[in-house]
Amino acid sequence: MTMGLGSTTQAYGESWYWDNRYSHESGPFDWYQKYPALAPLINLYVPHRHQRILVVGCGNSAFGEGMVDDGYEDVVNIDISTVVIEAMQRKYSDHLPQLKCILHYINATLLARYFNDCYMINTKLFAMLPDFKMDVRQMDDFQTGSFDAVIDKGTLDSILCGSNSRQNATQMLVEVWRVLKDKGVYILVTYGAPIYRLSLLRDSSLWRIKLHVIEKLVIEEKSERPLWELTNPVPMENEGSSVEAAVLGKNPDVHYIYVCTKDESLKAGPKLEAAVH
């Protein structure tokens, strides 16, 4: 989905906008891509089903549910909107045996406080716990190095549409870097081409970055080959300015996927030289 222009997009970074929107939306909605389309890439960079995954700005998406159905055991869904978190809890409360990790990890921090970090799960307790929301710019309740992967479909883009966009986006990326384990991956799905996103990613934290692309309109049974194979990284230079013209063509109709690996060893070396591969 492509975001439009105007006053509505300026509110994408505000919690009140999402509370209002989700109050009027009953069905699930996935920004950009659904899980089946991205599963090959997720499986490539998050190969072990026991790895702990954070989905930021989950909204009312079925993405986390798709991951659980695919066998992932530790899926953490967070969102800035209390309305949507409460709706997600109501939606999945009758299916806790199958989807308990979704609700369990929405309330992961609260459970840790009650059980001293011992995750002894009793499904009857979920009805007694309050809803859990979190601002991705300030995830203080998550310890440093808590996650193996962070997945973002449109959350950074939403923040970039709001006021103080650069500052807020940088705060978000710094927090994402912090909560990741060393060698953990931040998988960013965005409409932003490398010329617009690489500098933001590089300036915020120390990453090793790979670029993947997926066509915006995926027709499940189409016979022609995709513009670019999803699991193959797209070659790019440091600035990313040659990608569209030399590899993908002019104005490709794709979503860009930046796989950013946290690498603490980069602290000792040249930032720009090591950041993009």
Protein backbone atom coordinates (compact mmCIF):
# COMPACT_ATOMS: atom_id res chain seq x y z
CA MET A 1 0.00 0.00 0.00
CA THR A 2 1.31 3.45 -0.85
CA MET A 3 0.77 6.29 1.58
CA GLY A 4 -0.79 9.40 0.16
CA LEU A 5 -0.04 13.03 0.86
CA GLY A 6 -1.80 15.58 3.02
CA SER A 7 -2.79 16.11 6.61
CA THR A 8 -3.74 12.46 7.14
CA THR A 9 -0.20 11.23 6.55
CA GLN A 10 1.10 13.85 8.98
CA ALA A 11 -0.84 12.05 11.72
CA TYR A 12 0.63 8.61 11.00
CA GLY A 13 3.15 9.09 13.78
CA GLU A 14 0.50 9.90 16.40
CA SER A 15 -1.19 7.36 18.69
CA TRP A 16 -4.56 9.18 18.56
CA TYR A 17 -4.73 8.68 14.80
CA TRP A 18 -4.28 4.91 15.11
CA ASP A 19 -6.70 4.64 18.04
CA ASN A 20 -9.32 6.38 15.93
CA ARG A 21 -8.57 4.33 12.84
CA TYR A 22 -8.64 0.97 14.62
CA SER A 23 -11.87 1.94 16.36
CA HIS A 24 -13.48 1.89 12.92
CA GLU A 25 -11.66 -1.09 11.42
CA SER A 26 -12.83 -4.55 12.38
CA GLY A 27 -11.00 -6.75 9.90
CA PRO A 28 -7.25 -7.44 9.75
CA PHE A 29 -5.06 -5.36 7.48
CA ASP A 30 -1.45 -6.00 6.48
CA TRP A 31 0.66 -3.09 5.34
CA TYR A 32 2.67 -3.72 2.18
CA GLN A 33 2.99 -7.51 2.24
CA LYS A 34 1.39 -10.49 3.97
CA TYR A 35 3.40 -13.16 5.73
CA PRO A 36 3.24 -15.86 3.02
CA ALA A 37 4.85 -13.48 0.52
CA LEU A 38 7.71 -12.62 2.88
CA ALA A 39 8.10 -16.05 4.51
CA PRO A 40 11.05 -17.18 2.32
CA LEU A 41 13.03 -14.12 3.37
CA ILE A 42 12.04 -14.39 7.04
CA ASN A 43 13.02 -18.05 7.04
CA LEU A 44 16.38 -17.16 5.47
CA TYR A 45 17.37 -14.58 8.07
CA VAL A 46 15.53 -16.05 11.05
CA PRO A 47 16.12 -19.76 10.42
CA HIS A 48 15.46 -21.14 13.89
CA ARG A 49 11.89 -21.31 15.13
CA HIS A 50 12.93 -20.75 18.75
CA GLN A 51 14.49 -17.36 18.01
CA ARG A 52 12.77 -14.42 19.69
CA ILE A 53 11.15 -11.99 17.26
CA LEU A 54 9.72 -8.51 17.80
CA VAL A 55 7.08 -7.20 15.37
CA VAL A 56 6.87 -3.42 15.80
CA GLY A 57 3.67 -1.58 14.94
CA CYS A 58 1.73 -4.83 14.63
CA GLY A 59 -1.65 -3.12 14.23
CA ASN A 60 -4.43 -5.59 13.45
CA SER A 61 -2.23 -7.49 11.03
CA ALA A 62 -2.33 -11.27 10.74
CA PHE A 63 1.45 -11.29 10.21
CA GLY A 64 2.29 -12.53 13.71
CA GLU A 65 -0.36 -15.21 13.44
CA GLY A 66 1.22 -16.33 10.18
CA MET A 67 4.59 -16.62 11.87
CA VAL A 68 3.13 -18.73 14.66
CA ASP A 69 1.44 -20.97 12.10
CA ASP A 70 4.85 -21.32 10.43
CA GLY A 71 6.29 -22.67 13.67
CA TYR A 72 7.88 -19.62 15.30
CA GLU A 73 7.58 -19.87 19.07
CA ASP A 74 8.64 -16.45 20.40
CA VAL A 75 6.71 -13.71 18.60
CA VAL A 76 6.42 -10.35 20.34
CA ASN A 77 3.74 -7.99 18.98
CA ILE A 78 3.74 -4.36 20.10
CA ASP A 79 1.81 -1.28 18.99
CA ILE A 80 1.34 2.29 20.14
CA SER A 81 -2.47 1.93 19.96
CA THR A 82 -4.26 0.63 23.04
CA VAL A 83 -7.39 0.13 20.92
CA VAL A 84 -5.74 -2.33 18.58
CA ILE A 85 -3.93 -4.23 21.34
CA GLU A 86 -7.22 -4.75 23.16
CA ALA A 87 -8.84 -5.87 19.90
CA MET A 88 -6.02 -8.34 19.24
CA GLN A 89 -6.38 -9.76 22.73
CA ARG A 90 -10.11 -10.26 22.24
CA LYS A 91 -9.54 -11.83 18.84
CA TYR A 92 -7.07 -14.44 20.03
CA SER A 93 -8.29 -15.09 23.57
CA ASP A 94 -10.29 -18.13 22.47
CA HIS A 95 -7.29 -19.65 20.69
CA LEU A 96 -4.58 -19.40 23.33
CA PRO A 97 -3.38 -23.01 23.01
CA GLN A 98 -2.43 -22.34 19.37
CA LEU A 99 -1.57 -18.63 19.49
CA LYS A 100 -0.55 -18.09 23.09
CA CYS A 101 2.84 -16.65 22.16
CA ILE A 102 1.13 -13.69 20.50
CA LEU A 103 -0.74 -12.64 23.62
CA HIS A 104 2.00 -13.87 25.93
CA TYR A 105 4.58 -11.63 24.36
CA ILE A 106 2.33 -8.64 23.95
CA ASN A 107 2.35 -8.80 27.74
CA ALA A 108 5.93 -10.08 28.05
CA THR A 109 7.18 -7.27 30.27
CA LEU A 110 4.20 -7.41 32.58
CA LEU A 111 4.60 -11.14 32.97
CA ALA A 112 8.28 -10.70 33.71
CA ARG A 113 7.43 -8.29 36.52
CA TYR A 114 4.91 -10.70 38.03
CA PHE A 115 7.06 -13.83 37.67
CA ASN A 116 10.57 -12.43 38.08
CA ASP A 117 11.45 -13.24 34.47
CA CYS A 118 10.33 -16.86 34.82
CA TYR A 119 7.82 -17.32 32.03
CA MET A 120 5.53 -19.82 33.73
CA ILE A 121 2.48 -19.65 31.50
CA ASN A 122 -1.01 -20.23 32.79
CA THR A 123 -3.54 -19.34 30.12
CA LYS A 124 -6.13 -18.37 32.73
CA LEU A 125 -3.95 -15.44 33.77
CA PHE A 126 -4.27 -13.60 30.48
CA ALA A 127 -7.81 -12.46 31.24
CA MET A 128 -6.53 -10.76 34.39
CA LEU A 129 -3.66 -8.87 32.80
CA PRO A 130 -4.11 -5.33 31.44
CA ASP A 131 -3.44 -4.56 27.80
CA PHE A 132 0.14 -3.83 26.83
CA LYS A 133 1.15 -1.12 24.39
CA MET A 134 4.54 0.37 23.64
CA ASP A 135 6.05 3.25 21.72
CA VAL A 136 8.82 1.91 19.48
CA ARG A 137 10.83 5.09 20.14
CA GLN A 138 11.08 4.21 23.83
CA MET A 139 11.10 0.48 24.56
CA ASP A 140 12.58 0.78 28.05
CA ASP A 141 10.74 -2.29 29.30
CA PHE A 142 12.77 -4.49 26.96
CA GLN A 143 16.30 -5.24 28.06
CA THR A 144 19.25 -4.56 25.78
CA GLY A 145 19.91 -7.54 23.53
CA SER A 146 16.47 -9.11 24.06
CA PHE A 147 15.63 -10.14 20.48
CA ASP A 148 17.11 -12.09 17.60
CA ALA A 149 15.04 -10.21 15.02
CA VAL A 150 12.86 -7.12 14.67
CA ILE A 151 10.36 -6.92 11.82
CA ASP A 152 8.97 -3.61 10.62
CA LYS A 153 6.32 -3.29 7.89
CA GLY A 154 5.56 0.39 7.55
CA THR A 155 6.22 1.60 11.09
CA LEU A 156 9.34 3.58 10.21
CA ASP A 157 7.52 4.95 7.16
CA SER A 158 4.64 6.07 9.38
CA ILE A 159 6.98 7.90 11.71
CA LEU A 160 8.65 9.59 8.74
CA CYS A 161 5.25 10.99 7.75
CA GLY A 162 4.78 12.74 11.07
CA SER A 163 6.19 15.83 12.70
CA ASN A 164 9.84 15.83 13.82
CA SER A 165 10.17 12.86 11.51
CA ARG A 166 13.94 12.59 11.33
CA GLN A 167 14.41 12.87 15.07
CA ASN A 168 11.65 10.36 15.84
CA ALA A 169 12.86 7.92 13.20
CA THR A 170 16.38 8.08 14.59
CA GLN A 171 15.07 7.44 18.12
CA MET A 172 13.21 4.41 16.83
CA LEU A 173 16.22 2.98 15.00
CA VAL A 174 18.49 3.50 18.00
CA GLU A 175 15.99 1.60 20.16
CA VAL A 176 15.66 -1.20 17.61
CA TRP A 177 19.45 -1.55 17.54
CA ARG A 178 19.55 -1.61 21.34
CA VAL A 179 16.98 -4.38 21.85
CA LEU A 180 18.60 -6.60 19.23
CA LYS A 181 21.24 -9.14 20.17
CA ASP A 182 24.62 -8.81 18.50
CA LYS A 183 24.24 -10.26 14.97
CA GLY A 184 20.46 -9.88 15.31
CA VAL A 185 18.57 -8.61 12.25
CA TYR A 186 16.24 -5.68 11.69
CA ILE A 187 14.06 -6.47 8.67
CA LEU A 188 12.60 -3.22 7.35
CA VAL A 189 9.90 -3.38 4.66
CA THR A 190 9.38 0.07 3.16
CA TYR A 191 8.50 2.04 0.05
CA GLY A 192 11.70 4.08 0.55
CA ALA A 193 14.41 3.59 -2.07
CA PRO A 194 18.06 3.30 -0.99
CA ILE A 195 18.80 6.91 -1.81
CA TYR A 196 16.23 7.88 0.87
CA ARG A 197 16.76 5.15 3.47
CA LEU A 198 20.44 4.21 3.53
CA SER A 199 21.67 7.46 5.04
CA LEU A 200 19.01 7.31 7.76
CA LEU A 201 19.90 3.74 8.64
CA ARG A 202 23.64 4.40 8.56
CA ASP A 203 23.48 7.58 10.61
CA SER A 204 21.35 6.04 13.35
CA SER A 205 23.38 2.95 14.23
CA LEU A 206 26.09 0.56 13.08
CA TRP A 207 24.59 -1.98 10.69
CA ARG A 208 25.66 -4.39 8.00
CA ILE A 209 22.96 -3.83 5.40
CA LYS A 210 21.64 -6.01 2.60
CA LEU A 211 18.88 -4.96 0.22
CA HIS A 212 16.10 -7.18 -1.09
CA VAL A 213 13.05 -6.24 -3.13
CA ILE A 214 9.58 -7.65 -3.71
CA GLU A 215 6.99 -6.49 -6.19
CA LYS A 216 4.12 -4.56 -4.64
CA LEU A 217 1.40 -6.52 -6.43
CA VAL A 218 2.06 -10.21 -5.95
CA ILE A 219 -0.19 -12.45 -8.04
CA GLU A 220 0.05 -15.92 -6.58
CA GLU A 221 -0.38 -17.84 -9.84
CA LYS A 222 1.34 -15.52 -12.30
CA SER A 223 3.63 -17.32 -14.74
CA GLU A 224 6.23 -14.63 -15.47
CA ARG A 225 9.36 -14.42 -13.38
CA PRO A 226 9.57 -11.74 -10.69
CA LEU A 227 11.56 -8.57 -11.31
CA TRP A 228 14.13 -9.81 -8.81
CA GLU A 229 14.32 -13.03 -6.80
CA LEU A 230 13.24 -12.20 -3.24
CA THR A 231 15.98 -14.13 -1.43
CA ASN A 232 18.82 -12.76 -3.57
CA PRO A 233 20.34 -9.51 -2.27
CA VAL A 234 20.33 -6.63 -4.74
CA PRO A 235 23.83 -5.29 -5.48
CA MET A 236 24.24 -1.71 -4.33
CA GLU A 237 26.92 0.85 -3.70
CA ASN A 238 27.30 2.78 -0.46
CA GLU A 239 24.95 5.53 -1.54
CA GLY A 240 22.51 3.17 -3.28
CA SER A 241 22.06 5.66 -6.11
CA SER A 242 22.81 3.15 -8.88
CA VAL A 243 20.39 0.45 -7.78
CA GLU A 244 17.25 1.48 -9.64
CA ALA A 245 18.87 2.48 -12.91
CA ALA A 246 21.48 -0.27 -13.16
CA VAL A 247 19.69 -3.24 -11.61
CA LEU A 248 15.93 -2.78 -11.22
CA GLY A 249 15.19 -0.24 -13.93
CA LYS A 250 13.70 3.21 -13.54
CA ASN A 251 10.93 3.63 -10.94
CA PRO A 252 10.48 -0.07 -10.11
CA ASP A 253 7.10 -0.97 -8.60
CA VAL A 254 8.59 -2.70 -5.56
CA HIS A 255 8.83 -2.63 -1.81
CA TYR A 256 12.37 -2.36 -0.56
CA ILE A 257 13.48 -4.70 2.22
CA TYR A 258 16.55 -3.70 4.19
CA VAL A 259 18.05 -6.51 6.24
CA CYS A 260 20.18 -4.71 8.81
CA THR A 261 22.44 -6.86 10.95
CA LYS A 262 23.59 -5.45 14.26
CA ASP A 263 27.35 -5.85 14.41
CA GLU A 264 29.03 -4.47 17.50
CA SER A 265 32.46 -5.13 16.00
CA LEU A 266 31.88 -2.17 13.67
CA LYS A 267 32.44 0.16 16.62
CA ALA A 268 36.16 -0.30 16.17
CA GLY A 269 36.25 0.24 12.41
CA PRO A 270 35.28 2.80 9.77
CA LYS A 271 31.51 3.18 9.89
CA LEU A 272 30.78 4.03 6.25
CA GLU A 273 33.15 1.51 4.72
CA ALA A 274 31.80 -1.43 6.69
CA ALA A 275 28.12 -0.57 6.82
CA VAL A 276 26.85 -1.66 3.40
CA HIS A 277 27.50 -5.02 1.74
